[in-house]
Structures are given as structure tokens and as C-alpha cells.
């Protein structure tokens, strides 16, 4: 928090950042004192903290169900096709293989 503010309240962005930081966040004394004195900012911070808790506690599997097996197979097929298109024999290059004349002899 800066020493001079046109608006004496903490901005929603500052309050949201504090809610994201959680209890381990670093607070400036002026901000803490303001939150004790200002009901509006305290309530807004509490709302942000509730939203953060709900988000952290949400079961992601319910929000984003796993795609059906056909989707994964389509992805695998596309990756295989891309790899095949980039294969050395498809771009005019061949891998170097030592022949019997250049192989190291012990």
C-alpha cells in the first residue's frame, strides 16, 4: 500500500492478491490497520477468501470430466502421423549407419 491514496480503500486487485497469498502473505501494517477499521474492505477480503477456499477445495474431476477414450486415440493417431511426416526418410535424409569399412576394429 502506498502512503498516499486518492481512495482510502484497498483496491479489489490488492484484496484479491491478498486472498491468493493466504495466511502466509506479507502484509503492510497500514493495510492491516485499514482492514480492522474498514468494514467494506474487510467484507470484500472475506468474500475473496471464501472464493479462494471454494476454488482450492473444488473437485476438479467434477468440473473437467475425463474425455472419452476415442479422444485420446485421436490424439495418439495425430502424434503418430506428425512423427511419421518428420521421419528422416520422409524428408530426404537418412540416418548414418557405420558400414563394415568404417566400423572400429579392436
PDB file of N, CA and C in Angstrom:
ATOM      1  N   UNK A   1       0.841  -1.162   0.000  1.00  0.00           N
ATOM      2  CA  UNK A   1       0.000   0.000   0.000  1.00  0.00           C
ATOM      3  C   UNK A   1       0.892   1.232   0.000  1.00  0.00           C
ATOM      4  N   UNK A   2       0.574   2.166  -0.837  1.00  0.00           N
ATOM      5  CA  UNK A   2       1.365   3.394  -0.901  1.00  0.00           C
ATOM      6  C   UNK A   2       0.944   4.330   0.218  1.00  0.00           C
ATOM      7  N   UNK A   3       1.785   5.323   0.513  1.00  0.00           N
ATOM      8  CA  UNK A   3       1.483   6.240   1.610  1.00  0.00           C
ATOM      9  C   UNK A   3       0.389   7.227   1.223  1.00  0.00           C
ATOM     10  N   UNK A   4       0.234   7.518  -0.066  1.00  0.00           N
ATOM     11  CA  UNK A   4      -0.799   8.460  -0.493  1.00  0.00           C
ATOM     12  C   UNK A   4      -1.781   7.743  -1.393  1.00  0.00           C
ATOM     13  N   UNK A   5      -3.065   7.893  -1.113  1.00  0.00           N
ATOM     14  CA  UNK A   5      -4.126   7.294  -1.930  1.00  0.00           C
ATOM     15  C   UNK A   5      -5.235   8.311  -2.112  1.00  0.00           C
ATOM     16  N   UNK A   6      -5.756   8.361  -3.307  1.00  0.00           N
ATOM     17  CA  UNK A   6      -6.968   9.167  -3.516  1.00  0.00           C
ATOM     18  C   UNK A   6      -8.137   8.480  -2.837  1.00  0.00           C
ATOM     19  N   UNK A   7      -8.220   7.176  -3.057  1.00  0.00           N
ATOM     20  CA  UNK A   7      -9.268   6.376  -2.442  1.00  0.00           C
ATOM     21  C   UNK A   7      -8.638   5.705  -1.227  1.00  0.00           C
ATOM     22  N   UNK A   8      -9.195   5.918  -0.045  1.00  0.00           N
ATOM     23  CA  UNK A   8      -8.565   5.358   1.157  1.00  0.00           C
ATOM     24  C   UNK A   8      -8.701   3.841   1.252  1.00  0.00           C
ATOM     25  N   UNK A   9      -9.530   3.239   0.418  1.00  0.00           N
ATOM     26  CA  UNK A   9      -9.755   1.796   0.496  1.00  0.00           C
ATOM     27  C   UNK A   9      -8.696   1.025  -0.276  1.00  0.00           C
ATOM     28  N   UNK A  10      -8.547  -0.220   0.118  1.00  0.00           N
ATOM     29  CA  UNK A  10      -7.695  -1.133  -0.640  1.00  0.00           C
ATOM     30  C   UNK A  10      -8.447  -1.497  -1.917  1.00  0.00           C
ATOM     31  N   UNK A  11      -7.731  -1.575  -3.016  1.00  0.00           N
ATOM     32  CA  UNK A  11      -8.390  -1.878  -4.289  1.00  0.00           C
ATOM     33  C   UNK A  11      -8.811  -3.347  -4.320  1.00  0.00           C
ATOM     34  N   UNK A  12      -9.811  -3.669  -5.137  1.00  0.00           N
ATOM     35  CA  UNK A  12     -10.197  -5.082  -5.288  1.00  0.00           C
ATOM     36  C   UNK A  12      -9.014  -5.942  -5.739  1.00  0.00           C
ATOM     37  N   UNK A  13      -8.143  -5.389  -6.563  1.00  0.00           N
ATOM     38  CA  UNK A  13      -6.967  -6.139  -7.024  1.00  0.00           C
ATOM     39  C   UNK A  13      -6.047  -6.472  -5.854  1.00  0.00           C
ATOM     40  N   UNK A  14      -5.830  -5.483  -4.970  1.00  0.00           N
ATOM     41  CA  UNK A  14      -4.979  -5.719  -3.800  1.00  0.00           C
ATOM     42  C   UNK A  14      -5.610  -6.759  -2.872  1.00  0.00           C
ATOM     43  N   UNK A  15      -6.892  -6.647  -2.669  1.00  0.00           N
ATOM     44  CA  UNK A  15      -7.582  -7.598  -1.792  1.00  0.00           C
ATOM     45  C   UNK A  15      -7.572  -9.009  -2.384  1.00  0.00           C
ATOM     46  N   UNK A  16      -7.779  -9.112  -3.686  1.00  0.00           N
ATOM     47  CA  UNK A  16      -7.739 -10.424  -4.342  1.00  0.00           C
ATOM     48  C   UNK A  16      -6.341 -11.026  -4.238  1.00  0.00           C
ATOM     49  N   UNK A  17      -5.321 -10.202  -4.423  1.00  0.00           N
ATOM     50  CA  UNK A  17      -3.938 -10.690  -4.304  1.00  0.00           C
ATOM     51  C   UNK A  17      -3.675 -11.188  -2.890  1.00  0.00           C
ATOM     52  N   UNK A  18      -4.193 -10.482  -1.909  1.00  0.00           N
ATOM     53  CA  UNK A  18      -4.016 -10.905  -0.515  1.00  0.00           C
ATOM     54  C   UNK A  18      -4.737 -12.228  -0.265  1.00  0.00           C
ATOM     55  N   UNK A  19      -5.920 -12.380  -0.830  1.00  0.00           N
ATOM     56  CA  UNK A  19      -6.659 -13.635  -0.680  1.00  0.00           C
ATOM     57  C   UNK A  19      -5.894 -14.783  -1.341  1.00  0.00           C
ATOM     58  N   UNK A  20      -5.274 -14.514  -2.477  1.00  0.00           N
ATOM     59  CA  UNK A  20      -4.476 -15.542  -3.152  1.00  0.00           C
ATOM     60  C   UNK A  20      -3.260 -15.936  -2.324  1.00  0.00           C
ATOM     61  N   UNK A  21      -2.631 -14.949  -1.673  1.00  0.00           N
ATOM     62  CA  UNK A  21      -1.447 -15.222  -0.855  1.00  0.00           C
ATOM     63  C   UNK A  21      -1.780 -16.084   0.356  1.00  0.00           C
ATOM     64  N   UNK A  22      -3.008 -15.965   0.830  1.00  0.00           N
ATOM     65  CA  UNK A  22      -3.411 -16.729   2.005  1.00  0.00           C
ATOM     66  C   UNK A  22      -2.752 -16.202   3.261  1.00  0.00           C
ATOM     67  N   UNK A  23      -2.770 -16.999   4.311  1.00  0.00           N
ATOM     68  CA  UNK A  23      -2.245 -16.536   5.594  1.00  0.00           C
ATOM     69  C   UNK A  23      -0.728 -16.331   5.603  1.00  0.00           C
ATOM     70  N   UNK A  24      -0.044 -16.883   4.634  1.00  0.00           N
ATOM     71  CA  UNK A  24       1.409 -16.732   4.592  1.00  0.00           C
ATOM     72  C   UNK A  24       1.858 -15.465   3.887  1.00  0.00           C
ATOM     73  N   UNK A  25       0.929 -14.700   3.361  1.00  0.00           N
ATOM     74  CA  UNK A  25       1.273 -13.483   2.629  1.00  0.00           C
ATOM     75  C   UNK A  25       1.859 -12.415   3.543  1.00  0.00           C
ATOM     76  N   UNK A  26       2.583 -11.487   2.944  1.00  0.00           N
ATOM     77  CA  UNK A  26       3.179 -10.387   3.680  1.00  0.00           C
ATOM     78  C   UNK A  26       2.237  -9.193   3.644  1.00  0.00           C
ATOM     79  N   UNK A  27       1.931  -8.656   4.780  1.00  0.00           N
ATOM     80  CA  UNK A  27       1.029  -7.523   4.899  1.00  0.00           C
ATOM     81  C   UNK A  27       1.796  -6.298   5.372  1.00  0.00           C
ATOM     82  N   UNK A  28       1.397  -5.161   4.873  1.00  0.00           N
ATOM     83  CA  UNK A  28       1.928  -3.887   5.338  1.00  0.00           C
ATOM     84  C   UNK A  28       1.053  -3.455   6.510  1.00  0.00           C
ATOM     85  N   UNK A  29       1.655  -2.894   7.537  1.00  0.00           N
ATOM     86  CA  UNK A  29       0.916  -2.508   8.734  1.00  0.00           C
ATOM     87  C   UNK A  29      -0.265  -1.604   8.401  1.00  0.00           C
ATOM     88  N   UNK A  30      -0.096  -0.672   7.496  1.00  0.00           N
ATOM     89  CA  UNK A  30      -1.196   0.231   7.114  1.00  0.00           C
ATOM     90  C   UNK A  30      -2.387  -0.548   6.570  1.00  0.00           C
ATOM     91  N   UNK A  31      -2.109  -1.599   5.794  1.00  0.00           N
ATOM     92  CA  UNK A  31      -3.196  -2.408   5.237  1.00  0.00           C
ATOM     93  C   UNK A  31      -3.952  -3.142   6.339  1.00  0.00           C
ATOM     94  N   UNK A  32      -3.224  -3.703   7.286  1.00  0.00           N
ATOM     95  CA  UNK A  32      -3.848  -4.436   8.379  1.00  0.00           C
ATOM     96  C   UNK A  32      -4.713  -3.500   9.213  1.00  0.00           C
ATOM     97  N   UNK A  33      -4.172  -2.345   9.530  1.00  0.00           N
ATOM     98  CA  UNK A  33      -4.932  -1.376  10.319  1.00  0.00           C
ATOM     99  C   UNK A  33      -6.189  -0.932   9.569  1.00  0.00           C
ATOM    100  N   UNK A  34      -6.051  -0.742   8.270  1.00  0.00           N
ATOM    101  CA  UNK A  34      -7.203  -0.344   7.472  1.00  0.00           C
ATOM    102  C   UNK A  34      -8.271  -1.433   7.491  1.00  0.00           C
ATOM    103  N   UNK A  35      -7.865  -2.687   7.371  1.00  0.00           N
ATOM    104  CA  UNK A  35      -8.840  -3.781   7.373  1.00  0.00           C
ATOM    105  C   UNK A  35      -9.576  -3.886   8.710  1.00  0.00           C
ATOM    106  N   UNK A  36      -8.890  -3.589   9.811  1.00  0.00           N
ATOM    107  CA  UNK A  36      -9.559  -3.603  11.116  1.00  0.00           C
ATOM    108  C   UNK A  36     -10.579  -2.473  11.227  1.00  0.00           C
ATOM    109  N   UNK A  37     -10.281  -1.353  10.582  1.00  0.00           N
ATOM    110  CA  UNK A  37     -11.143  -0.175  10.714  1.00  0.00           C
ATOM    111  C   UNK A  37     -12.232  -0.100   9.645  1.00  0.00           C
ATOM    112  N   UNK A  38     -12.009  -0.699   8.487  1.00  0.00           N
ATOM    113  CA  UNK A  38     -12.921  -0.530   7.350  1.00  0.00           C
ATOM    114  C   UNK A  38     -13.731  -1.799   7.121  1.00  0.00           C
ATOM    115  N   UNK A  39     -14.991  -1.721   7.413  1.00  0.00           N
ATOM    116  CA  UNK A  39     -15.872  -2.875   7.243  1.00  0.00           C
ATOM    117  C   UNK A  39     -15.986  -3.281   5.771  1.00  0.00           C
ATOM    118  N   UNK A  40     -16.065  -2.290   4.883  1.00  0.00           N
ATOM    119  CA  UNK A  40     -16.222  -2.564   3.450  1.00  0.00           C
ATOM    120  C   UNK A  40     -15.051  -3.390   2.918  1.00  0.00           C
ATOM    121  N   UNK A  41     -13.836  -2.983   3.209  1.00  0.00           N
ATOM    122  CA  UNK A  41     -12.666  -3.723   2.718  1.00  0.00           C
ATOM    123  C   UNK A  41     -12.559  -5.090   3.383  1.00  0.00           C
ATOM    124  N   UNK A  42     -12.881  -5.154   4.681  1.00  0.00           N
ATOM    125  CA  UNK A  42     -12.821  -6.422   5.391  1.00  0.00           C
ATOM    126  C   UNK A  42     -13.815  -7.417   4.797  1.00  0.00           C
ATOM    127  N   UNK A  43     -15.013  -6.973   4.502  1.00  0.00           N
ATOM    128  CA  UNK A  43     -16.021  -7.860   3.909  1.00  0.00           C
ATOM    129  C   UNK A  43     -15.619  -8.308   2.513  1.00  0.00           C
ATOM    130  N   UNK A  44     -15.030  -7.383   1.737  1.00  0.00           N
ATOM    131  CA  UNK A  44     -14.605  -7.759   0.388  1.00  0.00           C
ATOM    132  C   UNK A  44     -13.473  -8.774   0.443  1.00  0.00           C
ATOM    133  N   UNK A  45     -12.532  -8.591   1.373  1.00  0.00           N
ATOM    134  CA  UNK A  45     -11.451  -9.569   1.540  1.00  0.00           C
ATOM    135  C   UNK A  45     -12.026 -10.922   1.940  1.00  0.00           C
ATOM    136  N   UNK A  46     -12.991 -10.914   2.840  1.00  0.00           N
ATOM    137  CA  UNK A  46     -13.624 -12.164   3.271  1.00  0.00           C
ATOM    138  C   UNK A  46     -14.291 -12.878   2.095  1.00  0.00           C
ATOM    139  N   UNK A  47     -14.944 -12.134   1.215  1.00  0.00           N
ATOM    140  CA  UNK A  47     -15.564 -12.736   0.022  1.00  0.00           C
ATOM    141  C   UNK A  47     -14.517 -13.361  -0.890  1.00  0.00           C
ATOM    142  N   UNK A  48     -13.413 -12.647  -1.096  1.00  0.00           N
ATOM    143  CA  UNK A  48     -12.337 -13.197  -1.925  1.00  0.00           C
ATOM    144  C   UNK A  48     -11.753 -14.457  -1.286  1.00  0.00           C
ATOM    145  N   UNK A  49     -11.581 -14.442   0.019  1.00  0.00           N
ATOM    146  CA  UNK A  49     -11.031 -15.619   0.705  1.00  0.00           C
ATOM    147  C   UNK A  49     -11.983 -16.813   0.586  1.00  0.00           C
ATOM    148  N   UNK A  50     -13.279 -16.565   0.698  1.00  0.00           N
ATOM    149  CA  UNK A  50     -14.253 -17.654   0.519  1.00  0.00           C
ATOM    150  C   UNK A  50     -14.169 -18.234  -0.889  1.00  0.00           C
ATOM    151  N   UNK A  51     -14.055 -17.353  -1.874  1.00  0.00           N
ATOM    152  CA  UNK A  51     -13.947 -17.814  -3.268  1.00  0.00           C
ATOM    153  C   UNK A  51     -12.676 -18.630  -3.466  1.00  0.00           C
ATOM    154  N   UNK A  52     -11.571 -18.182  -2.874  1.00  0.00           N
ATOM    155  CA  UNK A  52     -10.305 -18.919  -2.999  1.00  0.00           C
ATOM    156  C   UNK A  52     -10.417 -20.287  -2.342  1.00  0.00           C
ATOM    157  N   UNK A  53     -11.041 -20.343  -1.168  1.00  0.00           N
ATOM    158  CA  UNK A  53     -11.215 -21.621  -0.468  1.00  0.00           C
ATOM    159  C   UNK A  53     -12.080 -22.565  -1.296  1.00  0.00           C
ATOM    160  N   UNK A  54     -13.160 -22.045  -1.843  1.00  0.00           N
ATOM    161  CA  UNK A  54     -14.035 -22.883  -2.679  1.00  0.00           C
ATOM    162  C   UNK A  54     -13.275 -23.402  -3.896  1.00  0.00           C
ATOM    163  N   UNK A  55     -12.470 -22.554  -4.504  1.00  0.00           N
ATOM    164  CA  UNK A  55     -11.693 -22.978  -5.668  1.00  0.00           C
ATOM    165  C   UNK A  55     -10.657 -24.027  -5.324  1.00  0.00           C
ATOM    166  N   UNK A  56      -9.991 -23.839  -4.204  1.00  0.00           N
ATOM    167  CA  UNK A  56      -8.963 -24.802  -3.785  1.00  0.00           C
ATOM    168  C   UNK A  56      -9.567 -26.136  -3.374  1.00  0.00           C
ATOM    169  N   UNK A  57     -10.763 -26.086  -2.794  1.00  0.00           N
ATOM    170  CA  UNK A  57     -11.410 -27.311  -2.315  1.00  0.00           C
ATOM    171  C   UNK A  57     -12.232 -28.018  -3.384  1.00  0.00           C
ATOM    172  N   UNK A  58     -12.382 -27.414  -4.545  1.00  0.00           N
ATOM    173  CA  UNK A  58     -13.225 -27.994  -5.597  1.00  0.00           C
ATOM    174  C   UNK A  58     -12.627 -29.301  -6.106  1.00  0.00           C
ATOM    175  N   UNK A  59     -13.499 -30.223  -6.412  1.00  0.00           N
ATOM    176  CA  UNK A  59     -13.076 -31.494  -7.009  1.00  0.00           C
ATOM    177  C   UNK A  59     -12.982 -31.277  -8.518  1.00  0.00           C
ATOM    178  N   UNK A  60     -11.769 -31.178  -9.005  1.00  0.00           N
ATOM    179  CA  UNK A  60     -11.524 -30.872 -10.419  1.00  0.00           C
ATOM    180  C   UNK A  60     -12.160 -31.915 -11.326  1.00  0.00           C
ATOM    181  N   UNK A  61     -12.208 -33.155 -10.890  1.00  0.00           N
ATOM    182  CA  UNK A  61     -12.772 -34.198 -11.757  1.00  0.00           C
ATOM    183  C   UNK A  61     -14.242 -33.935 -12.067  1.00  0.00           C
ATOM    184  N   UNK A  62     -14.929 -33.257 -11.158  1.00  0.00           N
ATOM    185  CA  UNK A  62     -16.329 -32.919 -11.427  1.00  0.00           C
ATOM    186  C   UNK A  62     -16.436 -31.774 -12.419  1.00  0.00           C
ATOM    187  N   UNK A  63     -15.495 -30.843 -12.343  1.00  0.00           N
ATOM    188  CA  UNK A  63     -15.532 -29.684 -13.233  1.00  0.00           C
ATOM    189  C   UNK A  63     -15.070 -30.028 -14.644  1.00  0.00           C
ATOM    190  N   UNK A  64     -14.059 -30.877 -14.715  1.00  0.00           N
ATOM    191  CA  UNK A  64     -13.477 -31.239 -16.008  1.00  0.00           C
ATOM    192  C   UNK A  64     -13.435 -32.750 -16.124  1.00  0.00           C
ATOM    193  N   UNK A  65     -14.520 -33.362 -16.572  1.00  0.00           N
ATOM    194  CA  UNK A  65     -14.521 -34.822 -16.684  1.00  0.00           C
ATOM    195  C   UNK A  65     -13.496 -35.284 -17.720  1.00  0.00           C
ATOM    196  N   UNK A  66     -12.999 -36.468 -17.504  1.00  0.00           N
ATOM    197  CA  UNK A  66     -12.016 -37.041 -18.418  1.00  0.00           C
ATOM    198  C   UNK A  66     -12.668 -37.301 -19.779  1.00  0.00           C
ATOM    199  N   UNK A  67     -11.976 -36.959 -20.860  1.00  0.00           N
ATOM    200  CA  UNK A  67     -12.563 -37.198 -22.180  1.00  0.00           C
ATOM    201  C   UNK A  67     -12.687 -38.688 -22.475  1.00  0.00           C
ATOM    202  N   UNK A  68     -13.582 -39.050 -23.378  1.00  0.00           N
ATOM    203  CA  UNK A  68     -13.756 -40.463 -23.717  1.00  0.00           C
ATOM    204  C   UNK A  68     -12.501 -41.025 -24.403  1.00  0.00           C
ATOM    205  N   UNK A  69     -12.324 -42.340 -24.374  1.00  0.00           N
ATOM    206  CA  UNK A  69     -11.141 -42.977 -24.960  1.00  0.00           C
ATOM    207  C   UNK A  69     -10.908 -42.614 -26.426  1.00  0.00           C
ATOM    208  N   UNK A  70     -11.974 -42.370 -27.197  1.00  0.00           N
ATOM    209  CA  UNK A  70     -11.798 -42.042 -28.615  1.00  0.00           C
ATOM    210  C   UNK A  70     -11.023 -40.735 -28.797  1.00  0.00           C
ATOM    211  N   UNK A  71     -11.153 -39.815 -27.845  1.00  0.00           N
ATOM    212  CA  UNK A  71     -10.408 -38.548 -27.930  1.00  0.00           C
ATOM    213  C   UNK A  71      -8.925 -38.817 -27.772  1.00  0.00           C
ATOM    214  N   UNK A  72      -8.557 -39.634 -26.760  1.00  0.00           N
ATOM    215  CA  UNK A  72      -7.139 -39.948 -26.555  1.00  0.00           C
ATOM    216  C   UNK A  72      -6.571 -40.701 -27.761  1.00  0.00           C
ATOM    217  N   UNK A  73      -7.357 -41.603 -28.347  1.00  0.00           N
ATOM    218  CA  UNK A  73      -6.875 -42.343 -29.517  1.00  0.00           C
ATOM    219  C   UNK A  73      -6.669 -41.400 -30.698  1.00  0.00           C
ATOM    220  N   UNK A  74      -7.543 -40.432 -30.875  1.00  0.00           N
ATOM    221  CA  UNK A  74      -7.376 -39.453 -31.959  1.00  0.00           C
ATOM    222  C   UNK A  74      -6.116 -38.624 -31.745  1.00  0.00           C
ATOM    223  N   UNK A  75      -5.838 -38.268 -30.497  1.00  0.00           N
ATOM    224  CA  UNK A  75      -4.614 -37.519 -30.199  1.00  0.00           C
ATOM    225  C   UNK A  75      -3.390 -38.369 -30.511  1.00  0.00           C
ATOM    226  N   UNK A  76      -3.390 -39.626 -30.072  1.00  0.00           N
ATOM    227  CA  UNK A  76      -2.258 -40.521 -30.358  1.00  0.00           C
ATOM    228  C   UNK A  76      -2.058 -40.685 -31.869  1.00  0.00           C
ATOM    229  N   UNK A  77      -3.158 -40.845 -32.614  1.00  0.00           N
ATOM    230  CA  UNK A  77      -3.056 -41.014 -34.067  1.00  0.00           C
ATOM    231  C   UNK A  77      -2.456 -39.773 -34.712  1.00  0.00           C
ATOM    232  N   UNK A  78      -2.839 -38.604 -34.247  1.00  0.00           N
ATOM    233  CA  UNK A  78      -2.296 -37.370 -34.806  1.00  0.00           C
ATOM    234  C   UNK A  78      -0.801 -37.240 -34.503  1.00  0.00           C
ATOM    235  N   UNK A  79      -0.397 -37.607 -33.299  1.00  0.00           N
ATOM    236  CA  UNK A  79       1.023 -37.550 -32.938  1.00  0.00           C
ATOM    237  C   UNK A  79       1.814 -38.531 -33.789  1.00  0.00           C
ATOM    238  N   UNK A  80       1.289 -39.735 -33.970  1.00  0.00           N
ATOM    239  CA  UNK A  80       1.986 -40.717 -34.813  1.00  0.00           C
ATOM    240  C   UNK A  80       2.118 -40.197 -36.246  1.00  0.00           C
ATOM    241  N   UNK A  81       1.075 -39.569 -36.771  1.00  0.00           N
ATOM    242  CA  UNK A  81       1.121 -39.043 -38.140  1.00  0.00           C
ATOM    243  C   UNK A  81       2.148 -37.923 -38.250  1.00  0.00           C
ATOM    244  N   UNK A  82       2.214 -37.062 -37.263  1.00  0.00           N
ATOM    245  CA  UNK A  82       3.206 -35.978 -37.287  1.00  0.00           C
ATOM    246  C   UNK A  82       4.624 -36.523 -37.218  1.00  0.00           C
ATOM    247  N   UNK A  83       4.833 -37.519 -36.371  1.00  0.00           N
ATOM    248  CA  UNK A  83       6.171 -38.134 -36.267  1.00  0.00           C
ATOM    249  C   UNK A  83       6.555 -38.814 -37.578  1.00  0.00           C
ATOM    250  N   UNK A  84       5.602 -39.495 -38.193  1.00  0.00           N
ATOM    251  CA  UNK A  84       5.894 -40.178 -39.462  1.00  0.00           C
ATOM    252  C   UNK A  84       6.237 -39.163 -40.554  1.00  0.00           C
ATOM    253  N   UNK A  85       5.562 -38.024 -40.551  1.00  0.00           N
ATOM    254  CA  UNK A  85       5.834 -36.994 -41.559  1.00  0.00           C
ATOM    255  C   UNK A  85       7.209 -36.381 -41.370  1.00  0.00           C
ATOM    256  N   UNK A  86       7.703 -36.371 -40.130  1.00  0.00           N
ATOM    257  CA  UNK A  86       9.021 -35.791 -39.860  1.00  0.00           C
ATOM    258  C   UNK A  86      10.129 -36.824 -39.871  1.00  0.00           C
ATOM    259  N   UNK A  87       9.814 -38.063 -40.122  1.00  0.00           N
ATOM    260  CA  UNK A  87      10.829 -39.116 -40.115  1.00  0.00           C
ATOM    261  C   UNK A  87      11.902 -38.808 -41.154  1.00  0.00           C
ATOM    262  N   UNK A  88      13.167 -39.128 -40.864  1.00  0.00           N
ATOM    263  CA  UNK A  88      14.264 -38.802 -41.789  1.00  0.00           C
ATOM    264  C   UNK A  88      14.045 -39.294 -43.208  1.00  0.00           C
ATOM    265  N   UNK A  89      13.486 -40.480 -43.380  1.00  0.00           N
ATOM    266  CA  UNK A  89      13.290 -40.992 -44.743  1.00  0.00           C
ATOM    267  C   UNK A  89      12.235 -40.196 -45.494  1.00  0.00           C
ATOM    268  N   UNK A  90      11.394 -39.466 -44.787  1.00  0.00           N
ATOM    269  CA  UNK A  90      10.364 -38.672 -45.450  1.00  0.00           C
ATOM    270  C   UNK A  90      10.822 -37.262 -45.792  1.00  0.00           C
ATOM    271  N   UNK A  91      11.990 -36.869 -45.316  1.00  0.00           N
ATOM    272  CA  UNK A  91      12.486 -35.531 -45.643  1.00  0.00           C
ATOM    273  C   UNK A  91      13.797 -35.584 -46.412  1.00  0.00           C
ATOM    274  N   UNK A  92      14.099 -36.709 -46.964  1.00  0.00           N
ATOM    275  CA  UNK A  92      15.269 -36.831 -47.828  1.00  0.00           C
ATOM    276  C   UNK A  92      16.572 -37.059 -47.081  1.00  0.00           C
ATOM    277  N   UNK A  93      16.523 -37.362 -45.824  1.00  0.00           N
ATOM    278  CA  UNK A  93      17.731 -37.643 -45.051  1.00  0.00           C
ATOM    279  C   UNK A  93      17.701 -39.089 -44.611  1.00  0.00           C
ATOM    280  N   UNK A  94      18.878 -39.631 -44.452  1.00  0.00           N
ATOM    281  CA  UNK A  94      18.972 -40.987 -43.936  1.00  0.00           C
ATOM    282  C   UNK A  94      19.859 -40.960 -42.718  1.00  0.00           C
ATOM    283  N   UNK A  95      19.573 -41.818 -41.800  1.00  0.00           N
ATOM    284  CA  UNK A  95      20.425 -41.920 -40.625  1.00  0.00           C
ATOM    285  C   UNK A  95      21.744 -42.554 -41.013  1.00  0.00           C
ATOM    286  N   UNK A  96      22.792 -42.083 -40.383  1.00  0.00           N
ATOM    287  CA  UNK A  96      24.111 -42.638 -40.647  1.00  0.00           C
ATOM    288  C   UNK A  96      24.244 -43.942 -39.905  1.00  0.00           C
ATOM    289  N   UNK A  97      24.679 -44.943 -40.627  1.00  0.00           N
ATOM    290  CA  UNK A  97      24.955 -46.247 -40.024  1.00  0.00           C
ATOM    291  C   UNK A  97      26.354 -46.659 -40.454  1.00  0.00           C
ATOM    292  N   UNK A  98      27.155 -47.014 -39.499  1.00  0.00           N
ATOM    293  CA  UNK A  98      28.515 -47.415 -39.886  1.00  0.00           C
ATOM    294  C   UNK A  98      28.475 -48.708 -40.701  1.00  0.00           C
ATOM    295  N   UNK A  99      29.250 -48.715 -41.768  1.00  0.00           N
ATOM    296  CA  UNK A  99      29.345 -49.975 -42.518  1.00  0.00           C
ATOM    297  C   UNK A  99      30.601 -50.700 -42.048  1.00  0.00           C
ATOM    298  N   UNK A 100      30.826 -51.833 -42.593  1.00  0.00           N
ATOM    299  CA  UNK A 100      31.947 -52.658 -42.104  1.00  0.00           C
ATOM    300  C   UNK A 100      33.295 -51.997 -42.362  1.00  0.00           C
ATOM    301  N   UNK A 101      33.405 -51.115 -43.354  1.00  0.00           N
ATOM    302  CA  UNK A 101      34.699 -50.491 -43.644  1.00  0.00           C
ATOM    303  C   UNK A 101      35.032 -49.365 -42.666  1.00  0.00           C
ATOM    304  N   UNK A 102      34.016 -48.756 -42.062  1.00  0.00           N
ATOM    305  CA  UNK A 102      34.293 -47.639 -41.140  1.00  0.00           C
ATOM    306  C   UNK A 102      34.124 -48.025 -39.696  1.00  0.00           C
ATOM    307  N   UNK A 103      33.678 -49.235 -39.428  1.00  0.00           N
ATOM    308  CA  UNK A 103      33.473 -49.664 -38.044  1.00  0.00           C
ATOM    309  C   UNK A 103      34.811 -49.797 -37.346  1.00  0.00           C
ATOM    310  N   UNK A 104      34.836 -49.488 -36.074  1.00  0.00           N
ATOM    311  CA  UNK A 104      36.061 -49.594 -35.278  1.00  0.00           C
ATOM    312  C   UNK A 104      36.435 -51.044 -35.106  1.00  0.00           C
ATOM    313  N   UNK A 105      37.679 -51.303 -35.319  1.00  0.00           N
ATOM    314  CA  UNK A 105      38.155 -52.684 -35.151  1.00  0.00           C
ATOM    315  C   UNK A 105      39.057 -52.772 -33.949  1.00  0.00           C
ATOM    316  N   UNK A 106      38.842 -53.769 -33.160  1.00  0.00           N
ATOM    317  CA  UNK A 106      39.646 -53.917 -31.955  1.00  0.00           C
ATOM    318  C   UNK A 106      40.808 -54.838 -32.190  1.00  0.00           C
TER     319      UNK A 106
END
